[in-house]
N, C-alpha and C. Protein backbone atom coordinates (compact mmCIF):
# COMPACT_ATOMS: atom_id res chain seq x y z
N UNK A 1 -66.24 1.76 -16.31
CA UNK A 1 -64.70 1.87 -16.65
C UNK A 1 -64.42 3.44 -17.05
N UNK A 2 -63.07 3.58 -16.18
CA UNK A 2 -62.66 4.99 -15.68
C UNK A 2 -62.16 5.75 -16.22
N UNK A 3 -61.88 7.00 -16.58
CA UNK A 3 -60.81 7.97 -17.82
C UNK A 3 -59.56 8.20 -16.66
N UNK A 4 -58.37 8.44 -16.96
CA UNK A 4 -57.66 8.44 -16.60
C UNK A 4 -57.27 10.52 -16.78
N UNK A 5 -57.57 11.17 -15.59
CA UNK A 5 -57.08 12.54 -16.09
C UNK A 5 -56.00 12.80 -15.52
N UNK A 6 -55.07 13.61 -16.12
CA UNK A 6 -54.06 13.64 -15.56
C UNK A 6 -53.96 14.96 -15.19
N UNK A 7 -53.18 15.28 -14.49
CA UNK A 7 -52.68 16.60 -13.73
C UNK A 7 -52.22 17.71 -14.23
N UNK A 8 -52.38 18.33 -14.76
CA UNK A 8 -51.76 20.06 -14.68
C UNK A 8 -50.96 20.71 -13.57
N UNK A 9 -49.76 21.42 -13.46
CA UNK A 9 -49.19 21.89 -13.14
C UNK A 9 -48.13 22.93 -13.64
N UNK A 10 -49.02 23.53 -13.00
CA UNK A 10 -48.05 25.19 -12.88
C UNK A 10 -46.63 25.12 -14.18
N UNK A 11 -46.36 25.84 -14.19
CA UNK A 11 -44.08 26.05 -14.18
C UNK A 11 -43.89 27.30 -14.92
N UNK A 12 -44.51 27.82 -15.13
CA UNK A 12 -44.50 29.35 -15.56
C UNK A 12 -45.50 30.45 -15.62
N UNK A 13 -45.36 31.52 -15.04
CA UNK A 13 -45.63 32.65 -15.22
C UNK A 13 -44.49 34.32 -15.35
N UNK A 14 -45.80 34.52 -16.09
CA UNK A 14 -45.74 36.47 -16.70
C UNK A 14 -46.16 36.45 -16.72
N UNK A 15 -46.67 38.49 -17.02
CA UNK A 15 -47.56 39.67 -17.54
C UNK A 15 -47.37 39.55 -19.11
N UNK A 16 -46.14 39.37 -19.51
CA UNK A 16 -46.43 39.20 -21.58
C UNK A 16 -47.06 38.22 -22.21
N UNK A 17 -47.63 38.70 -22.71
CA UNK A 17 -48.32 37.89 -23.36
C UNK A 17 -48.07 37.28 -24.82
N UNK A 18 -46.93 38.35 -25.40
CA UNK A 18 -45.86 37.86 -26.23
C UNK A 18 -45.37 36.27 -25.80
N UNK A 19 -45.07 36.22 -24.72
CA UNK A 19 -43.87 34.99 -23.88
C UNK A 19 -44.90 33.56 -23.97
N UNK A 20 -46.29 34.15 -23.06
CA UNK A 20 -46.98 32.98 -23.21
C UNK A 20 -47.02 32.47 -24.16
N UNK A 21 -47.32 33.29 -25.32
CA UNK A 21 -48.37 32.85 -26.42
C UNK A 21 -47.10 31.37 -27.43
N UNK A 22 -45.45 31.97 -27.15
CA UNK A 22 -44.29 31.39 -27.49
C UNK A 22 -43.79 30.38 -26.60
N UNK A 23 -44.47 30.57 -25.54
CA UNK A 23 -44.04 29.61 -24.69
C UNK A 23 -45.11 28.08 -24.94
N UNK A 24 -46.58 28.39 -25.62
CA UNK A 24 -47.70 27.96 -25.86
C UNK A 24 -47.01 26.98 -27.27
N UNK A 25 -46.89 27.23 -28.30
CA UNK A 25 -46.71 27.26 -29.55
C UNK A 25 -45.04 26.61 -29.08
N UNK A 26 -43.70 27.08 -28.52
CA UNK A 26 -42.19 25.84 -28.48
C UNK A 26 -42.56 25.02 -27.41
N UNK A 27 -43.82 24.35 -26.82
CA UNK A 27 -44.24 23.28 -26.48
C UNK A 27 -45.07 22.38 -26.84
N UNK A 28 -45.54 23.23 -27.95
CA UNK A 28 -46.96 22.04 -28.69
C UNK A 28 -45.82 21.48 -29.74
N UNK A 29 -45.49 22.41 -30.08
CA UNK A 29 -43.23 22.29 -31.38
C UNK A 29 -43.03 20.47 -30.53
N UNK A 30 -43.00 20.33 -29.01
CA UNK A 30 -41.83 19.27 -28.19
C UNK A 30 -43.06 18.03 -28.61
N UNK A 31 -44.64 18.47 -28.56
CA UNK A 31 -45.74 17.75 -28.06
C UNK A 31 -45.61 17.78 -26.79
N UNK A 32 -45.76 18.60 -26.35
CA UNK A 32 -45.64 18.89 -24.53
C UNK A 32 -47.78 19.71 -24.63
N UNK A 33 -48.87 19.38 -24.28
CA UNK A 33 -49.28 20.39 -24.26
C UNK A 33 -49.42 20.74 -22.83
N UNK A 34 -50.37 21.91 -23.32
CA UNK A 34 -50.51 23.52 -22.35
C UNK A 34 -51.74 23.89 -21.92
N UNK A 35 -51.61 24.64 -20.83
CA UNK A 35 -53.56 25.52 -20.87
C UNK A 35 -52.45 26.52 -20.38
N UNK A 36 -52.43 27.51 -20.77
CA UNK A 36 -52.18 29.28 -20.70
C UNK A 36 -53.20 29.56 -19.75
N UNK A 37 -53.12 29.76 -18.43
CA UNK A 37 -54.59 29.78 -17.51
C UNK A 37 -54.34 32.69 -17.33
N UNK A 38 -55.46 32.50 -17.53
CA UNK A 38 -54.87 33.75 -17.93
C UNK A 38 -55.04 33.84 -16.12
N UNK A 39 -55.18 35.30 -15.45
CA UNK A 39 -55.43 35.63 -14.22
C UNK A 39 -56.44 36.40 -14.43
N UNK A 40 -56.80 36.99 -15.27
CA UNK A 40 -57.49 38.33 -15.76
C UNK A 40 -59.20 37.96 -14.86
N UNK A 41 -59.50 36.55 -15.77
CA UNK A 41 -60.71 35.15 -14.91
C UNK A 41 -61.14 35.38 -13.06
N UNK A 42 -59.99 35.75 -12.85
CA UNK A 42 -60.61 35.81 -11.62
C UNK A 42 -61.32 36.07 -10.40
N UNK A 43 -61.76 36.48 -9.37
CA UNK A 43 -62.14 37.47 -8.99
C UNK A 43 -61.14 38.61 -7.95
N UNK A 44 -60.40 37.53 -8.45
CA UNK A 44 -58.51 38.92 -7.32
C UNK A 44 -57.64 38.91 -9.25
N UNK A 45 -57.22 39.80 -9.98
CA UNK A 45 -56.95 39.73 -10.83
C UNK A 45 -55.96 40.45 -10.46
N UNK A 46 -54.83 39.84 -10.97
CA UNK A 46 -53.26 39.64 -11.00
C UNK A 46 -52.33 40.59 -12.26
N UNK A 47 -52.32 42.47 -11.99
CA UNK A 47 -52.45 42.97 -13.30
C UNK A 47 -50.66 43.94 -12.71
N UNK A 48 -50.08 43.96 -13.75
CA UNK A 48 -49.57 45.41 -13.38
C UNK A 48 -49.67 45.93 -14.30
N UNK A 49 -49.30 47.10 -14.90
CA UNK A 49 -49.92 48.11 -15.75
C UNK A 49 -51.15 47.38 -16.24
N UNK A 50 -51.81 46.90 -16.17
CA UNK A 50 -52.88 46.65 -17.18
C UNK A 50 -52.85 45.24 -18.02
N UNK A 51 -51.28 45.16 -17.37
CA UNK A 51 -50.77 43.01 -17.87
C UNK A 51 -51.72 42.54 -17.32
N UNK A 52 -52.55 41.33 -17.66
CA UNK A 52 -52.76 40.71 -16.48
C UNK A 52 -51.22 39.10 -16.81
N UNK A 53 -51.61 38.52 -15.62
CA UNK A 53 -50.76 37.61 -14.89
C UNK A 53 -50.82 36.50 -15.75
N UNK A 54 -50.20 35.55 -16.60
CA UNK A 54 -50.53 34.80 -17.25
C UNK A 54 -50.13 33.08 -17.16
N UNK A 55 -50.86 31.91 -17.09
CA UNK A 55 -48.82 31.15 -16.09
C UNK A 55 -49.50 29.70 -16.82
N UNK A 56 -48.49 29.54 -17.53
CA UNK A 56 -48.44 28.13 -17.53
C UNK A 56 -48.58 26.05 -17.19
N UNK A 57 -49.42 26.28 -17.90
CA UNK A 57 -50.02 24.92 -16.76
C UNK A 57 -48.94 23.66 -18.06
N UNK A 58 -48.59 21.93 -17.53
CA UNK A 58 -48.20 21.46 -18.28
C UNK A 58 -48.33 20.02 -17.28
N UNK A 59 -48.77 18.94 -18.43
CA UNK A 59 -49.14 17.19 -17.32
C UNK A 59 -47.95 17.35 -17.09
N UNK A 60 -48.90 17.41 -15.79
CA UNK A 60 -47.49 16.27 -14.74
C UNK A 60 -46.94 15.09 -14.97
N UNK A 61 -46.45 14.67 -16.48
CA UNK A 61 -45.59 13.80 -16.31
C UNK A 61 -45.01 14.71 -17.14
N UNK A 62 -44.90 15.62 -17.81
CA UNK A 62 -44.31 16.19 -19.08
C UNK A 62 -43.49 17.72 -18.45
N UNK A 63 -43.45 17.71 -16.63
CA UNK A 63 -42.73 19.29 -16.00
C UNK A 63 -41.71 19.21 -16.95
N UNK A 64 -40.88 17.75 -16.21
CA UNK A 64 -38.91 18.03 -16.27
C UNK A 64 -39.10 18.43 -17.71
N UNK A 65 -39.54 18.03 -19.07
CA UNK A 65 -39.27 18.11 -20.60
C UNK A 65 -39.97 19.96 -20.52
N UNK A 66 -41.09 20.20 -19.91
CA UNK A 66 -41.70 21.30 -20.60
C UNK A 66 -40.49 22.91 -19.35
N UNK A 67 -39.83 22.70 -18.96
CA UNK A 67 -38.90 23.42 -17.92
C UNK A 67 -37.36 23.70 -18.43
N UNK A 68 -37.25 21.89 -19.08
CA UNK A 68 -36.09 22.41 -20.47
C UNK A 68 -35.83 23.43 -21.20
N UNK A 69 -37.23 23.12 -21.86
CA UNK A 69 -38.02 23.30 -23.19
C UNK A 69 -38.10 25.17 -23.21
N UNK A 70 -38.59 25.69 -21.94
CA UNK A 70 -38.63 26.81 -21.96
C UNK A 70 -37.22 27.39 -21.36
N UNK A 71 -36.21 26.65 -20.67
CA UNK A 71 -34.97 27.14 -20.49
C UNK A 71 -34.06 27.30 -21.11
N UNK A 72 -34.42 26.55 -22.33
CA UNK A 72 -33.33 26.35 -23.89
C UNK A 72 -33.89 27.79 -24.34
N UNK A 73 -35.22 27.62 -24.62
CA UNK A 73 -35.68 28.86 -25.38
C UNK A 73 -35.38 30.56 -24.70
N UNK A 74 -35.14 30.85 -23.48
CA UNK A 74 -34.73 31.76 -23.11
C UNK A 74 -33.36 32.07 -23.13
N UNK A 75 -32.33 30.59 -23.33
CA UNK A 75 -31.03 30.27 -22.94
C UNK A 75 -30.72 31.31 -24.75
N UNK A 76 -31.16 30.85 -25.12
CA UNK A 76 -30.94 31.12 -27.06
C UNK A 76 -31.98 32.93 -27.15
N UNK A 77 -32.24 33.51 -26.71
CA UNK A 77 -32.94 34.72 -26.93
C UNK A 77 -33.85 34.59 -28.27
N UNK A 78 -34.53 33.21 -27.61
CA UNK A 78 -36.10 32.74 -28.11
C UNK A 78 -37.37 33.63 -27.55
N UNK A 79 -37.39 33.92 -26.09
CA UNK A 79 -37.56 34.51 -25.53
C UNK A 79 -37.36 35.09 -24.29
N UNK A 80 -38.37 36.32 -24.12
CA UNK A 80 -37.27 37.65 -23.63
C UNK A 80 -37.34 37.48 -22.44
N UNK A 81 -37.74 36.08 -21.98
CA UNK A 81 -37.45 35.92 -20.09
C UNK A 81 -38.34 36.95 -19.53
N UNK A 82 -38.91 37.78 -19.40
CA UNK A 82 -40.18 38.32 -18.65
C UNK A 82 -40.79 37.18 -17.67
N UNK A 83 -40.71 36.56 -17.57
CA UNK A 83 -41.21 35.75 -16.65
C UNK A 83 -40.86 34.63 -15.75
N UNK A 84 -41.23 34.29 -15.33
CA UNK A 84 -40.90 33.49 -14.23
C UNK A 84 -41.30 31.89 -13.48
N UNK A 85 -39.73 31.69 -13.86
CA UNK A 85 -40.76 29.27 -13.01
C UNK A 85 -41.14 29.66 -11.79
N UNK A 86 -42.36 28.51 -11.42
CA UNK A 86 -42.68 29.05 -10.41
C UNK A 86 -42.20 28.26 -9.41
N UNK A 87 -42.03 28.64 -7.91
CA UNK A 87 -40.71 27.98 -7.57
C UNK A 87 -40.06 27.94 -7.43
N UNK A 88 -39.83 29.09 -7.98
CA UNK A 88 -38.42 30.39 -8.96
C UNK A 88 -37.89 31.06 -7.56
N UNK A 89 -36.63 31.24 -6.70
CA UNK A 89 -36.88 32.02 -5.75
C UNK A 89 -35.84 33.58 -5.60
N UNK A 90 -35.51 32.83 -7.23
CA UNK A 90 -34.35 34.36 -7.39
C UNK A 90 -34.33 35.70 -7.97
């Protein structure tokens, strides 16, 4: 019997730990699992002023719902909006 493992896709990154913790909580309330990848654990850490970059990844099947939930939280002021959506060129 083969187990199906869903691919996780990075949707957002930030240098603000408060923001990534809040996103993780928001997604959990929406029933969306996520992984917060802390980049300080890599051989080439990405830091600004000693704060590591953190990336939010969600199951591929939940990308659109997750992005919508984060956008609503940013638009209503529940998140500081310090981070950036992956692939956002703005």
